[in-house]
N, C-alpha and C. Protein backbone atom coordinates (compact mmCIF):
# COMPACT_ATOMS: atom_id res chain seq x y z
N MET A 1 0.84 -1.18 0.00
CA MET A 1 0.00 0.00 0.00
C MET A 1 0.89 1.24 0.00
N LYS A 2 0.49 2.24 -0.76
CA LYS A 2 1.26 3.48 -0.84
C LYS A 2 0.88 4.41 0.30
N TRP A 3 1.86 5.20 0.73
CA TRP A 3 1.69 6.19 1.79
C TRP A 3 2.06 7.56 1.26
N PHE A 4 1.38 8.59 1.75
CA PHE A 4 1.58 9.96 1.29
C PHE A 4 1.68 10.90 2.47
N ILE A 5 2.39 12.01 2.27
CA ILE A 5 2.49 13.05 3.28
C ILE A 5 1.39 14.07 3.04
N VAL A 6 0.73 14.47 4.11
CA VAL A 6 -0.28 15.53 4.05
C VAL A 6 0.13 16.60 5.06
N VAL A 7 0.26 17.83 4.59
CA VAL A 7 0.56 18.97 5.47
C VAL A 7 -0.75 19.69 5.76
N VAL A 8 -1.08 19.80 7.03
CA VAL A 8 -2.31 20.48 7.46
C VAL A 8 -1.96 21.93 7.75
N MET A 9 -2.71 22.83 7.11
CA MET A 9 -2.45 24.25 7.25
C MET A 9 -3.40 24.86 8.28
N THR A 10 -2.95 25.93 8.94
CA THR A 10 -3.75 26.64 9.92
C THR A 10 -4.59 27.70 9.23
N GLN A 11 -5.84 27.76 9.59
CA GLN A 11 -6.70 28.81 9.06
C GLN A 11 -7.81 29.06 10.06
N GLN A 12 -8.12 30.33 10.25
CA GLN A 12 -9.25 30.66 11.11
C GLN A 12 -10.52 30.29 10.38
N LEU A 13 -11.42 29.67 11.10
CA LEU A 13 -12.68 29.28 10.48
C LEU A 13 -13.57 30.49 10.28
N ASN A 14 -14.22 30.51 9.14
CA ASN A 14 -15.23 31.53 8.87
C ASN A 14 -16.30 30.92 7.99
N ALA A 15 -17.36 31.62 7.81
CA ALA A 15 -18.51 31.08 7.07
C ALA A 15 -18.18 30.79 5.61
N SER A 16 -17.29 31.55 5.03
CA SER A 16 -17.01 31.36 3.61
C SER A 16 -16.04 30.21 3.34
N SER A 17 -15.28 29.77 4.33
CA SER A 17 -14.30 28.71 4.11
C SER A 17 -14.17 27.82 5.34
N PRO A 18 -15.12 26.91 5.56
CA PRO A 18 -15.10 26.09 6.77
C PRO A 18 -14.13 24.91 6.72
N GLU A 19 -13.59 24.56 5.53
CA GLU A 19 -12.71 23.40 5.45
C GLU A 19 -11.28 23.74 5.83
N THR A 20 -10.51 22.72 6.18
CA THR A 20 -9.11 22.89 6.55
C THR A 20 -8.26 22.74 5.30
N PRO A 21 -7.44 23.74 4.97
CA PRO A 21 -6.59 23.63 3.79
C PRO A 21 -5.48 22.60 4.01
N LEU A 22 -5.17 21.86 2.97
CA LEU A 22 -4.12 20.86 3.01
C LEU A 22 -3.15 21.10 1.86
N TRP A 23 -1.92 20.63 2.04
CA TRP A 23 -0.96 20.61 0.95
C TRP A 23 -0.39 19.20 0.90
N ILE A 24 -0.44 18.58 -0.28
CA ILE A 24 0.02 17.21 -0.43
C ILE A 24 1.12 17.19 -1.50
N PRO A 25 2.37 16.94 -1.10
CA PRO A 25 3.45 16.88 -2.10
C PRO A 25 3.29 15.62 -2.96
N TYR A 26 3.79 15.69 -4.19
CA TYR A 26 3.67 14.56 -5.11
C TYR A 26 4.81 13.57 -4.89
N VAL A 27 4.77 12.90 -3.76
CA VAL A 27 5.76 11.87 -3.44
C VAL A 27 5.03 10.78 -2.65
N HIS A 28 5.35 9.52 -2.92
CA HIS A 28 4.72 8.43 -2.17
C HIS A 28 5.78 7.46 -1.67
N PHE A 29 5.37 6.66 -0.71
CA PHE A 29 6.27 5.73 -0.05
C PHE A 29 5.61 4.36 0.00
N GLU A 30 6.42 3.33 0.08
CA GLU A 30 5.90 1.96 0.08
C GLU A 30 5.40 1.51 1.45
N ASN A 31 5.82 2.19 2.51
CA ASN A 31 5.35 1.83 3.84
C ASN A 31 5.32 3.05 4.75
N LYS A 32 4.62 2.92 5.85
CA LYS A 32 4.43 4.03 6.78
C LYS A 32 5.75 4.50 7.38
N GLU A 33 6.60 3.56 7.71
CA GLU A 33 7.86 3.91 8.37
C GLU A 33 8.73 4.79 7.49
N SER A 34 8.86 4.44 6.20
CA SER A 34 9.70 5.27 5.32
C SER A 34 9.08 6.65 5.11
N CYS A 35 7.75 6.73 5.09
CA CYS A 35 7.07 8.02 5.00
C CYS A 35 7.38 8.86 6.23
N GLN A 36 7.28 8.26 7.40
CA GLN A 36 7.52 9.00 8.65
C GLN A 36 8.97 9.46 8.75
N VAL A 37 9.90 8.63 8.34
CA VAL A 37 11.32 9.02 8.39
C VAL A 37 11.56 10.21 7.46
N TYR A 38 11.04 10.14 6.24
CA TYR A 38 11.20 11.23 5.29
C TYR A 38 10.55 12.51 5.83
N ALA A 39 9.34 12.39 6.35
CA ALA A 39 8.61 13.56 6.88
C ALA A 39 9.38 14.19 8.04
N ARG A 40 9.89 13.37 8.92
CA ARG A 40 10.63 13.88 10.07
C ARG A 40 11.92 14.57 9.63
N ASN A 41 12.64 13.96 8.69
CA ASN A 41 13.92 14.51 8.24
C ASN A 41 13.78 15.73 7.34
N ASN A 42 12.60 15.92 6.76
CA ASN A 42 12.39 17.01 5.81
C ASN A 42 11.25 17.93 6.20
N GLN A 43 10.92 17.97 7.47
CA GLN A 43 9.78 18.76 7.93
C GLN A 43 9.89 20.23 7.55
N LEU A 44 11.03 20.84 7.78
CA LEU A 44 11.18 22.27 7.49
C LEU A 44 11.01 22.55 5.99
N MET A 45 11.61 21.72 5.14
CA MET A 45 11.49 21.90 3.70
C MET A 45 10.03 21.72 3.26
N LEU A 46 9.35 20.72 3.81
CA LEU A 46 7.94 20.48 3.46
C LEU A 46 7.07 21.66 3.91
N PHE A 47 7.34 22.17 5.11
CA PHE A 47 6.59 23.34 5.59
C PHE A 47 6.85 24.56 4.70
N GLN A 48 8.11 24.78 4.30
CA GLN A 48 8.44 25.91 3.45
C GLN A 48 7.71 25.84 2.11
N ARG A 49 7.65 24.65 1.54
CA ARG A 49 6.94 24.48 0.26
C ARG A 49 5.44 24.70 0.42
N ALA A 50 4.90 24.23 1.55
CA ALA A 50 3.46 24.43 1.81
C ALA A 50 3.16 25.92 1.98
N ILE A 51 4.00 26.63 2.70
CA ILE A 51 3.83 28.07 2.88
C ILE A 51 3.87 28.77 1.52
N ALA A 52 4.82 28.41 0.68
CA ALA A 52 4.94 29.01 -0.65
C ALA A 52 3.70 28.72 -1.49
N GLN A 53 3.16 27.51 -1.39
CA GLN A 53 1.97 27.15 -2.16
C GLN A 53 0.79 28.04 -1.81
N TYR A 54 0.69 28.42 -0.53
CA TYR A 54 -0.40 29.30 -0.09
C TYR A 54 0.04 30.76 -0.03
N LYS A 55 1.16 31.08 -0.71
CA LYS A 55 1.66 32.45 -0.86
C LYS A 55 1.89 33.14 0.48
N GLY A 56 2.26 32.37 1.50
CA GLY A 56 2.57 32.92 2.81
C GLY A 56 1.37 33.37 3.61
N GLU A 57 0.17 33.14 3.09
CA GLU A 57 -1.04 33.60 3.77
C GLU A 57 -1.51 32.64 4.86
N ILE A 58 -1.13 31.37 4.74
CA ILE A 58 -1.54 30.36 5.72
C ILE A 58 -0.30 29.58 6.13
N LEU A 59 -0.16 29.32 7.42
CA LEU A 59 0.99 28.59 7.92
C LEU A 59 0.63 27.13 8.21
N PRO A 60 1.62 26.24 8.11
CA PRO A 60 1.35 24.83 8.41
C PRO A 60 1.24 24.60 9.91
N THR A 61 0.39 23.65 10.27
CA THR A 61 0.21 23.26 11.67
C THR A 61 0.94 21.96 11.97
N MET A 62 0.78 21.00 11.07
CA MET A 62 1.37 19.67 11.28
C MET A 62 1.44 18.94 9.96
N LEU A 63 2.16 17.84 9.97
CA LEU A 63 2.14 16.96 8.82
C LEU A 63 1.91 15.54 9.30
N SER A 64 1.39 14.73 8.40
CA SER A 64 1.05 13.36 8.76
C SER A 64 1.23 12.47 7.55
N CYS A 65 1.48 11.20 7.80
CA CYS A 65 1.53 10.21 6.74
C CYS A 65 0.20 9.46 6.71
N VAL A 66 -0.40 9.40 5.54
CA VAL A 66 -1.68 8.71 5.39
C VAL A 66 -1.57 7.70 4.25
N ASN A 67 -2.34 6.63 4.36
CA ASN A 67 -2.30 5.63 3.29
C ASN A 67 -3.20 6.05 2.14
N GLN A 68 -3.10 5.32 1.04
CA GLN A 68 -3.82 5.71 -0.17
C GLN A 68 -5.33 5.67 0.00
N ASP A 69 -5.84 4.83 0.89
CA ASP A 69 -7.29 4.81 1.14
C ASP A 69 -7.76 6.11 1.80
N ILE A 70 -6.99 6.58 2.77
CA ILE A 70 -7.34 7.84 3.44
C ILE A 70 -7.22 9.00 2.46
N LEU A 71 -6.17 9.00 1.64
CA LEU A 71 -6.00 10.07 0.65
C LEU A 71 -7.18 10.08 -0.33
N LYS A 72 -7.64 8.92 -0.72
CA LYS A 72 -8.79 8.83 -1.62
C LYS A 72 -10.03 9.42 -0.95
N GLN A 73 -10.22 9.14 0.35
CA GLN A 73 -11.37 9.69 1.08
C GLN A 73 -11.29 11.21 1.15
N ILE A 74 -10.09 11.74 1.34
CA ILE A 74 -9.90 13.19 1.37
C ILE A 74 -10.29 13.78 0.02
N ASN A 75 -9.82 13.18 -1.05
CA ASN A 75 -10.14 13.68 -2.39
C ASN A 75 -11.63 13.60 -2.68
N GLU A 76 -12.27 12.51 -2.28
CA GLU A 76 -13.71 12.37 -2.51
C GLU A 76 -14.50 13.39 -1.70
N ALA A 77 -14.05 13.68 -0.50
CA ALA A 77 -14.73 14.68 0.33
C ALA A 77 -14.65 16.05 -0.32
N ASP A 78 -13.50 16.39 -0.86
CA ASP A 78 -13.34 17.68 -1.53
C ASP A 78 -14.23 17.78 -2.76
N ILE A 79 -14.30 16.72 -3.54
CA ILE A 79 -15.12 16.72 -4.76
C ILE A 79 -16.60 16.86 -4.40
N SER A 80 -17.05 16.16 -3.36
CA SER A 80 -18.46 16.24 -2.99
C SER A 80 -18.81 17.65 -2.51
N LYS A 81 -17.87 18.35 -1.87
CA LYS A 81 -18.12 19.73 -1.44
C LYS A 81 -18.26 20.65 -2.64
N VAL A 82 -17.41 20.46 -3.64
CA VAL A 82 -17.48 21.29 -4.84
C VAL A 82 -18.83 21.10 -5.52
N ASP A 83 -19.25 19.84 -5.70
CA ASP A 83 -20.54 19.57 -6.34
C ASP A 83 -21.67 20.22 -5.56
N LYS A 84 -21.63 20.10 -4.25
CA LYS A 84 -22.69 20.68 -3.42
C LYS A 84 -22.70 22.20 -3.54
N ASN A 85 -21.51 22.80 -3.49
CA ASN A 85 -21.43 24.25 -3.60
C ASN A 85 -21.97 24.74 -4.93
N GLU A 86 -21.67 24.06 -6.01
CA GLU A 86 -22.16 24.48 -7.32
C GLU A 86 -23.67 24.36 -7.40
N LYS A 87 -24.25 23.34 -6.76
CA LYS A 87 -25.70 23.18 -6.75
C LYS A 87 -26.34 24.29 -5.92
N ASP A 88 -25.68 24.68 -4.82
CA ASP A 88 -26.22 25.74 -3.97
C ASP A 88 -26.24 27.09 -4.69
N ILE A 89 -25.27 27.30 -5.56
CA ILE A 89 -25.19 28.58 -6.28
C ILE A 89 -26.27 28.62 -7.33
């Protein structure tokens, strides 16, 4: 099973944006341990890239290693929100 790093960004909740922003680098690992070692050894670089992705407006809170099933659930949740929002408009 593949593992991925997810960087969770900090954002104040408000009515217009209730979801938590994430940054997911395009790198995967064959097991949880190798993901955790890479994340631990490269935390500052991963945080810097996440900050740059959000143009310095949002700071990272934490990072975590998740398996491909969890990543798929995250993606599906985001897609369902977009569909719902478009229907609401």
